[in-house]
Amino acid sequence: MSAQHLYVHVPFCARRCTYCDFSIAVRARVPLNEYLQALAREIARVGPVGSPATVYLGGGTPSRLGGPGVAALVRLLTLRGPVAEFTLEANPEDLTPDAARVWADVGVTRASIGAQSFDDRVLGWMHRSHDAAAIGAAVRSARAGGIRDVSLDLIFALPAALQRDLARDLERAIGCEPDHLSLYGLTVEPGTALARQVERGEWISAPDGRYEDEYLRTHEALRRAGYRFYEVSNAAREGREAIHNRAYWRLNPYLGLGPSAHSFDGVSRWWNEPAYARWVRRLERGESPVAGREIPSDAQRRLELLYLGLRTADGIAVPEPCPAELEASMRRWAAAGWAEIVDMSRGAPDRLADGVGAGPSTGSVVPGPARGTAGGRRLCLTATGWLRLDELVASI
């Protein structure tokens, strides 16, 4: 498979965060040679990755590979030509000026920095491996090292007992002048340290009302600062949206390498063994690292196109003629402030970007091109509608 979009999973972390249920491998010292040898075996199985439009090193904590480690990984990929967007996820303490220069030299254009909060007490509760001061230093190092785009991750809806000051965190995040921010509501995932703490009654999750309030406050604060939410959890300055993430929402083909990585060729999906040690052993034995496969049915694909389209600010194309039941639902949502019905024949609003890719054009509401479309209508959720995304999709 020649990848349009390439994801490489680097599972290593110095510690596991309180809320984390990702496929990671906690190691005091990164087994770089072992990992790169296994990755080389997987690349040999799938063949050359070609000239992807985007590359994303996720994790885990890819920045734990350091400058030389990331450079060695990039050499393994044997990319043909420059990559339009090359993202590397980084913890603040790893993003030094020297590392940033090496990463930029091997093609990294975008650093996604796991900030989460600017409150040292909250960071300690999260079991993060950095303090607040390291975040600003990491942003400065990325820019000084020649990395073009910087994104920050923040978490909202923390337990009330922590007394986290969200407004202050947003002010400090905006003060770093990132090009992009990703905002995630805290969820209690089974098997995590946080889930065990909640079960013991040590912490109480944020109620739905506070979750909604903080989400909407975040939207407003970032809007005033010049950011646009182009997807449920992602906001960016004009022209700085994440190209790689958009590929997932458009159901474009992508190739995943490394433990737990997922791939999609446009028809079928497959995913790798999630445990790092078992992923390594499979490849050492000459076995495929793939743990499972599926071919989504037409009904699944339509539902995914609908769900993914409504996650974005571009929304979804409305079929014409529109079934009466759907028309009534859309108008009810608009009256409640959950959605907008945009008439494209009057020109696409500036907030509608490139659309979310083509899909089937009959019998259902589907994503489709936004800017440049001559006519038709689009259904776009508002921020309050995004909070009800699952409910609204289920009702169509």
Protein backbone atom coordinates (compact mmCIF):
# COMPACT_ATOMS: atom_id res chain seq x y z
CA MET A 1 0.00 0.00 0.00
CA SER A 2 1.40 3.38 -1.03
CA ALA A 3 0.21 5.68 1.71
CA GLN A 4 -1.48 9.01 1.06
CA HIS A 5 -1.22 9.57 4.80
CA LEU A 6 1.18 7.76 7.12
CA TYR A 7 0.90 7.26 10.87
CA VAL A 8 3.74 5.76 12.94
CA HIS A 9 3.06 4.78 16.54
CA VAL A 10 5.92 5.34 18.99
CA PRO A 11 4.62 3.77 22.22
CA PHE A 12 7.22 4.85 24.79
CA CYS A 13 6.38 7.00 27.81
CA ALA A 14 8.31 7.82 30.96
CA ARG A 15 5.15 7.23 32.99
CA ARG A 16 1.45 6.60 32.44
CA CYS A 17 -0.86 9.56 32.99
CA THR A 18 -3.76 9.13 35.41
CA TYR A 19 -6.40 9.16 32.65
CA CYS A 20 -4.46 7.30 29.91
CA ASP A 21 -5.74 4.10 28.29
CA PHE A 22 -3.61 4.35 25.14
CA SER A 23 -1.31 1.63 23.86
CA ILE A 24 1.94 2.69 25.50
CA ALA A 25 5.09 1.07 26.87
CA VAL A 26 6.43 2.69 30.03
CA ARG A 27 10.21 2.53 29.88
CA ALA A 28 12.81 4.38 31.95
CA ARG A 29 15.11 4.00 28.96
CA VAL A 30 13.79 3.81 25.39
CA PRO A 31 14.83 0.55 23.62
CA LEU A 32 15.54 2.47 20.43
CA ASN A 33 17.42 -0.23 18.49
CA GLU A 34 14.83 -2.91 19.28
CA TYR A 35 11.99 -0.62 18.21
CA LEU A 36 13.66 0.50 14.98
CA GLN A 37 14.55 -3.09 14.04
CA ALA A 38 10.92 -4.16 14.51
CA LEU A 39 9.70 -1.15 12.56
CA ALA A 40 12.11 -1.97 9.73
CA ARG A 41 10.69 -5.52 9.59
CA GLU A 42 7.16 -4.15 9.36
CA ILE A 43 8.13 -1.71 6.60
CA ALA A 44 9.72 -4.61 4.71
CA ARG A 45 6.38 -6.45 4.88
CA VAL A 46 4.22 -3.55 3.64
CA GLY A 47 6.69 -2.20 1.07
CA PRO A 48 7.82 1.38 0.41
CA VAL A 49 5.54 4.03 1.88
CA GLY A 50 6.00 6.20 -1.20
CA SER A 51 5.37 9.94 -1.07
CA PRO A 52 2.67 10.57 1.53
CA ALA A 53 1.08 14.00 1.77
CA THR A 54 1.31 13.81 5.56
CA VAL A 55 3.28 11.91 8.19
CA TYR A 56 2.25 11.76 11.84
CA LEU A 57 4.45 10.37 14.61
CA GLY A 58 2.07 9.67 17.50
CA GLY A 59 2.18 7.74 20.71
CA GLY A 60 3.07 7.30 23.38
CA THR A 61 5.64 10.05 23.31
CA PRO A 62 7.58 10.14 20.01
CA SER A 63 9.73 12.99 21.32
CA ARG A 64 11.33 10.51 23.75
CA LEU A 65 13.32 9.19 20.78
CA GLY A 66 15.27 12.46 20.89
CA GLY A 67 16.82 14.14 17.87
CA PRO A 68 18.96 11.22 16.62
CA GLY A 69 16.22 8.66 17.25
CA VAL A 70 13.62 10.55 15.21
CA ALA A 71 16.21 11.07 12.46
CA ALA A 72 16.88 7.32 12.36
CA LEU A 73 13.15 6.59 12.17
CA VAL A 74 12.71 9.02 9.28
CA ARG A 75 15.58 7.36 7.39
CA LEU A 76 13.78 4.01 7.76
CA LEU A 77 10.71 5.43 6.05
CA THR A 78 12.71 6.28 2.90
CA LEU A 79 10.30 9.06 2.00
CA ARG A 80 10.43 10.19 -1.61
CA GLY A 81 10.45 13.97 -1.55
CA PRO A 82 9.34 16.50 1.08
CA VAL A 83 6.15 15.97 3.11
CA ALA A 84 3.59 18.80 3.13
CA GLU A 85 2.80 18.26 6.82
CA PHE A 86 5.00 16.21 9.15
CA THR A 87 3.73 16.15 12.74
CA LEU A 88 5.56 14.93 15.81
CA GLU A 89 3.84 14.62 19.19
CA ALA A 90 6.09 15.93 21.95
CA ASN A 91 6.15 16.29 25.69
CA PRO A 92 7.42 19.73 26.74
CA GLU A 93 10.48 18.45 28.57
CA ASP A 94 11.75 16.70 25.41
CA LEU A 95 11.42 19.71 23.12
CA THR A 96 14.82 21.33 23.43
CA PRO A 97 16.35 23.70 20.87
CA ASP A 98 18.83 21.02 19.76
CA ALA A 99 16.11 18.38 19.31
CA ALA A 100 13.88 20.81 17.43
CA ARG A 101 16.66 21.67 15.00
CA VAL A 102 17.31 17.99 14.24
CA TRP A 103 13.60 17.29 13.80
CA ALA A 104 13.17 20.25 11.46
CA ASP A 105 16.23 19.17 9.47
CA VAL A 106 14.69 15.73 8.80
CA GLY A 107 11.38 17.22 7.68
CA VAL A 108 9.21 17.76 10.78
CA THR A 109 6.99 20.79 10.16
CA ARG A 110 4.56 20.57 13.06
CA ALA A 111 4.97 19.92 16.79
CA SER A 112 1.92 18.80 18.76
CA ILE A 113 2.81 19.55 22.39
CA GLY A 114 1.02 17.78 25.24
CA ALA A 115 0.50 20.73 27.59
CA GLN A 116 -2.84 19.65 29.22
CA SER A 117 -2.73 22.40 31.87
CA PHE A 118 -0.60 25.33 33.06
CA ASP A 119 -1.25 24.53 36.75
CA ASP A 120 1.61 22.58 38.37
CA ARG A 121 -0.73 21.11 40.96
CA VAL A 122 -3.08 19.81 38.25
CA LEU A 123 -0.16 18.47 36.21
CA GLY A 124 1.00 16.55 39.26
CA TRP A 125 -2.48 15.06 39.70
CA MET A 126 -2.44 14.01 36.03
CA HIS A 127 0.93 12.33 36.63
CA ARG A 128 2.46 14.41 33.86
CA SER A 129 6.25 14.46 33.55
CA HIS A 130 6.63 18.24 33.11
CA ASP A 131 5.74 21.47 34.87
CA ALA A 132 3.95 24.53 33.50
CA ALA A 133 7.15 26.48 32.83
CA ALA A 134 8.33 23.77 30.43
CA ILE A 135 5.37 24.41 28.09
CA GLY A 136 6.35 27.96 27.12
CA ALA A 137 9.98 26.89 26.84
CA ALA A 138 8.98 24.06 24.48
CA VAL A 139 7.02 26.42 22.22
CA ARG A 140 9.99 28.81 22.04
CA SER A 141 12.37 25.92 21.31
CA ALA A 142 10.15 24.61 18.51
CA ARG A 143 10.02 27.97 16.80
CA ALA A 144 13.74 28.65 17.31
CA GLY A 145 14.54 25.23 15.87
CA GLY A 146 12.63 25.92 12.66
CA ILE A 147 9.42 23.96 13.23
CA ARG A 148 6.76 25.85 11.30
CA ASP A 149 3.55 25.01 13.19
CA VAL A 150 2.95 24.50 16.88
CA SER A 151 -0.15 22.91 18.43
CA LEU A 152 -1.05 22.61 22.12
CA ASP A 153 -3.26 19.98 23.78
CA LEU A 154 -5.43 20.98 26.74
CA ILE A 155 -7.86 18.98 28.88
CA PHE A 156 -11.06 20.43 30.33
CA ALA A 157 -13.85 19.16 32.64
CA LEU A 158 -11.52 18.08 35.45
CA PRO A 159 -12.92 17.10 38.87
CA ALA A 160 -14.22 20.18 40.69
CA ALA A 161 -12.16 19.33 43.79
CA LEU A 162 -9.01 20.22 41.85
CA GLN A 163 -10.22 23.83 41.56
CA ARG A 164 -8.58 24.18 38.19
CA ASP A 165 -8.81 27.71 36.76
CA LEU A 166 -9.79 27.07 33.15
CA ALA A 167 -9.83 30.74 32.18
CA ARG A 168 -6.27 31.17 33.41
CA ASP A 169 -5.12 28.06 31.54
CA LEU A 170 -6.72 29.32 28.32
CA GLU A 171 -5.13 32.74 28.79
CA ARG A 172 -1.70 31.19 29.22
CA ALA A 173 -2.20 28.82 26.27
CA ILE A 174 -3.27 31.68 24.01
CA GLY A 175 -0.31 33.70 25.30
CA CYS A 176 2.02 31.06 23.82
CA GLU A 177 0.57 32.01 20.40
CA PRO A 178 0.16 28.46 19.08
CA ASP A 179 -1.10 27.96 15.55
CA HIS A 180 -3.49 25.23 16.66
CA LEU A 181 -5.12 23.90 19.84
CA SER A 182 -6.76 20.56 20.59
CA LEU A 183 -9.22 20.52 23.49
CA TYR A 184 -10.38 17.29 25.08
CA GLY A 185 -12.93 16.72 27.81
CA LEU A 186 -11.67 14.38 30.53
CA THR A 187 -13.26 10.95 30.28
CA VAL A 188 -12.93 8.14 32.79
CA GLU A 189 -11.76 5.13 30.77
CA PRO A 190 -12.03 1.61 32.25
CA GLY A 191 -8.80 0.19 33.60
CA THR A 192 -7.09 3.54 34.14
CA ALA A 193 -5.73 4.85 37.41
CA LEU A 194 -8.42 7.52 37.29
CA ALA A 195 -11.19 4.91 36.95
CA ARG A 196 -9.91 3.12 40.05
CA GLN A 197 -9.77 6.41 41.96
CA VAL A 198 -13.34 7.23 40.96
CA GLU A 199 -14.51 3.75 41.98
CA ARG A 200 -12.94 4.29 45.40
CA GLY A 201 -14.75 7.61 45.73
CA GLU A 202 -11.56 9.68 45.73
CA TRP A 203 -12.73 11.83 42.82
CA ILE A 204 -16.07 12.76 41.27
CA SER A 205 -16.24 13.27 37.50
CA ALA A 206 -17.43 16.62 36.18
CA PRO A 207 -21.23 16.61 35.70
CA ASP A 208 -22.65 17.10 32.20
CA GLY A 209 -23.63 20.68 32.96
CA ARG A 210 -20.09 21.73 33.86
CA TYR A 211 -18.65 19.79 30.91
CA GLU A 212 -20.96 21.75 28.58
CA ASP A 213 -20.20 25.07 30.30
CA GLU A 214 -16.42 24.62 30.03
CA TYR A 215 -16.65 23.46 26.42
CA LEU A 216 -18.67 26.53 25.41
CA ARG A 217 -16.46 28.89 27.41
CA THR A 218 -13.43 27.45 25.62
CA HIS A 219 -15.07 28.03 22.24
CA GLU A 220 -15.80 31.65 23.06
CA ALA A 221 -12.34 32.37 24.48
CA LEU A 222 -10.59 30.95 21.43
CA ARG A 223 -12.97 32.67 19.01
CA ARG A 224 -12.15 36.02 20.59
CA ALA A 225 -8.44 35.20 20.25
CA GLY A 226 -8.73 34.55 16.50
CA TYR A 227 -9.06 30.76 16.44
CA ARG A 228 -11.77 28.84 14.57
CA PHE A 229 -13.09 25.46 15.65
CA TYR A 230 -13.00 23.46 12.43
CA GLU A 231 -13.83 20.20 14.22
CA VAL A 232 -15.37 19.20 17.55
CA SER A 233 -12.06 19.22 19.46
CA ASN A 234 -9.74 21.24 17.22
CA ALA A 235 -9.28 24.97 16.69
CA ALA A 236 -6.75 26.75 14.50
CA ARG A 237 -5.74 30.07 13.07
CA GLU A 238 -6.76 30.55 9.45
CA GLY A 239 -4.91 28.11 7.19
CA ARG A 240 -3.28 26.21 10.08
CA GLU A 241 -5.73 23.31 10.35
CA ALA A 242 -4.20 19.82 10.68
CA ILE A 243 -4.14 18.21 7.24
CA HIS A 244 -3.43 14.73 8.62
CA ASN A 245 -6.38 14.73 11.02
CA ARG A 246 -8.69 15.88 8.25
CA ALA A 247 -7.73 12.79 6.27
CA TYR A 248 -9.31 10.61 8.95
CA TRP A 249 -12.54 12.64 8.98
CA ARG A 250 -12.76 12.36 5.19
CA LEU A 251 -12.15 8.59 5.22
CA ASN A 252 -9.09 9.01 3.00
CA PRO A 253 -6.75 5.98 2.85
CA TYR A 254 -3.97 5.90 5.43
CA LEU A 255 -1.27 3.48 6.53
CA GLY A 256 -0.37 2.83 10.15
CA LEU A 257 2.91 1.36 11.39
CA GLY A 258 3.87 0.33 14.91
CA PRO A 259 1.98 -1.30 17.79
CA SER A 260 -1.79 -0.59 17.82
CA ALA A 261 -1.58 1.40 14.56
CA HIS A 262 -4.65 1.31 12.30
CA SER A 263 -4.76 1.36 8.49
CA PHE A 264 -7.47 1.92 5.87
CA ASP A 265 -7.15 1.39 2.11
CA GLY A 266 -10.52 2.84 1.15
CA VAL A 267 -12.31 -0.51 1.44
CA SER A 268 -10.96 -2.47 4.41
CA ARG A 269 -9.41 -1.64 7.77
CA TRP A 270 -6.80 -3.47 9.79
CA TRP A 271 -5.00 -2.84 13.06
CA ASN A 272 -1.80 -4.04 14.66
CA GLU A 273 -1.12 -5.93 17.86
CA PRO A 274 -1.45 -3.25 20.58
CA ALA A 275 1.09 -4.56 23.11
CA TYR A 276 4.61 -3.41 22.30
CA ALA A 277 6.41 -6.60 23.39
CA ARG A 278 4.02 -8.85 21.41
CA TRP A 279 4.28 -6.60 18.35
CA VAL A 280 8.07 -6.95 18.49
CA ARG A 281 7.92 -10.76 18.94
CA ARG A 282 5.55 -11.24 16.02
CA LEU A 283 7.88 -9.38 13.70
CA GLU A 284 10.97 -11.18 15.04
CA ARG A 285 9.27 -14.50 14.20
CA GLY A 286 8.48 -13.31 10.68
CA GLU A 287 4.77 -13.07 11.45
CA SER A 288 2.37 -10.32 10.48
CA PRO A 289 1.79 -7.76 13.26
CA VAL A 290 -1.85 -7.38 12.17
CA ALA A 291 -4.28 -8.32 14.95
CA GLY A 292 -7.57 -7.90 13.09
CA ARG A 293 -9.34 -6.77 9.92
CA GLU A 294 -12.79 -5.64 8.84
CA ILE A 295 -14.60 -4.47 5.75
CA PRO A 296 -17.26 -1.93 6.74
CA SER A 297 -20.68 -2.55 5.22
CA ASP A 298 -22.34 0.11 3.06
CA ALA A 299 -24.56 0.99 6.03
CA GLN A 300 -21.54 1.36 8.33
CA ARG A 301 -19.75 3.51 5.80
CA ARG A 302 -22.76 5.82 5.38
CA LEU A 303 -23.05 6.16 9.16
CA GLU A 304 -19.34 6.94 9.47
CA LEU A 305 -19.53 9.55 6.71
CA LEU A 306 -22.49 11.11 8.49
CA TYR A 307 -20.85 11.10 11.92
CA LEU A 308 -17.45 12.30 10.71
CA GLY A 309 -19.00 15.00 8.54
CA LEU A 310 -21.04 16.41 11.41
CA ARG A 311 -17.89 16.51 13.57
CA THR A 312 -16.51 19.20 11.27
CA ALA A 313 -17.49 22.84 10.78
CA ASP A 314 -18.17 22.05 7.11
CA GLY A 315 -21.05 19.78 8.05
CA ILE A 316 -22.79 17.52 5.56
CA ALA A 317 -24.64 17.91 2.28
CA VAL A 318 -28.43 17.67 2.47
CA PRO A 319 -30.02 15.40 -0.14
CA GLU A 320 -32.49 17.07 -2.48
CA PRO A 321 -35.35 16.42 -2.48
CA CYS A 322 -35.03 16.13 1.29
CA PRO A 323 -37.22 13.55 3.04
CA ALA A 324 -39.92 15.27 5.11
CA GLU A 325 -38.81 13.58 8.34
CA LEU A 326 -35.22 14.75 7.88
CA GLU A 327 -36.35 18.26 6.98
CA ALA A 328 -38.40 18.43 10.18
CA SER A 329 -35.43 17.18 12.26
CA MET A 330 -33.07 19.74 10.76
CA ARG A 331 -35.45 22.60 11.40
CA ARG A 332 -36.00 21.43 14.96
CA TRP A 333 -32.24 21.35 15.56
CA ALA A 334 -31.83 24.82 14.03
CA ALA A 335 -34.62 26.21 16.24
CA ALA A 336 -32.90 24.73 19.31
CA GLY A 337 -29.58 26.33 18.34
CA TRP A 338 -27.90 22.99 17.66
CA ALA A 339 -27.41 23.41 13.90
CA GLU A 340 -27.42 25.79 10.98
CA ILE A 341 -28.85 25.03 7.54
CA VAL A 342 -26.57 26.77 5.04
CA ASP A 343 -27.82 27.58 1.53
CA MET A 344 -24.71 27.14 -0.64
CA SER A 345 -26.38 28.79 -3.66
CA ARG A 346 -25.88 32.07 -1.83
CA GLY A 347 -22.16 31.42 -1.46
CA ALA A 348 -20.27 29.37 1.11
CA PRO A 349 -19.57 31.23 4.36
CA ASP A 350 -15.89 31.76 5.11
CA ARG A 351 -16.06 29.28 7.98
CA LEU A 352 -16.74 26.46 5.51
CA ALA A 353 -13.37 25.17 4.34
CA ASP A 354 -12.53 22.35 1.94
CA GLY A 355 -15.37 20.01 2.81
CA VAL A 356 -14.97 16.47 4.04
CA GLY A 357 -14.69 14.46 0.88
CA ALA A 358 -17.20 12.87 -1.43
CA GLY A 359 -19.65 10.20 -0.40
CA PRO A 360 -22.75 8.49 -1.78
CA SER A 361 -25.16 11.13 -3.07
CA THR A 362 -28.53 9.50 -2.70
CA GLY A 363 -30.76 8.41 0.11
CA SER A 364 -28.88 9.94 3.04
CA VAL A 365 -27.22 13.04 4.38
CA VAL A 366 -23.58 12.84 3.35
CA PRO A 367 -20.38 14.85 3.46
CA GLY A 368 -19.42 16.65 0.29
CA PRO A 369 -17.39 19.60 -0.96
CA ALA A 370 -18.16 22.92 0.70
CA ARG A 371 -16.16 25.81 -0.74
CA GLY A 372 -16.71 26.09 -4.47
CA THR A 373 -20.04 24.25 -4.44
CA ALA A 374 -22.51 26.06 -6.69
CA GLY A 375 -25.72 25.13 -4.87
CA GLY A 376 -27.48 22.87 -2.44
CA ARG A 377 -27.73 23.03 1.32
CA ARG A 378 -25.46 21.91 4.11
CA LEU A 379 -26.27 20.96 7.68
CA CYS A 380 -23.62 22.27 10.10
CA LEU A 381 -23.70 21.74 13.85
CA THR A 382 -23.05 24.58 16.27
CA ALA A 383 -20.92 24.21 19.40
CA THR A 384 -23.99 23.24 21.42
CA GLY A 385 -24.92 20.79 18.69
CA TRP A 386 -21.49 19.18 18.82
CA LEU A 387 -22.13 18.45 22.50
CA ARG A 388 -25.11 16.37 21.32
CA LEU A 389 -23.40 14.80 18.32
CA ASP A 390 -24.04 11.15 19.19
CA GLU A 391 -27.68 11.83 20.01
CA LEU A 392 -28.31 13.78 16.82
CA VAL A 393 -26.63 11.23 14.54
CA ALA A 394 -28.67 8.42 16.15
CA SER A 395 -31.87 10.32 15.40
CA ILE A 396 -31.29 10.60 11.62
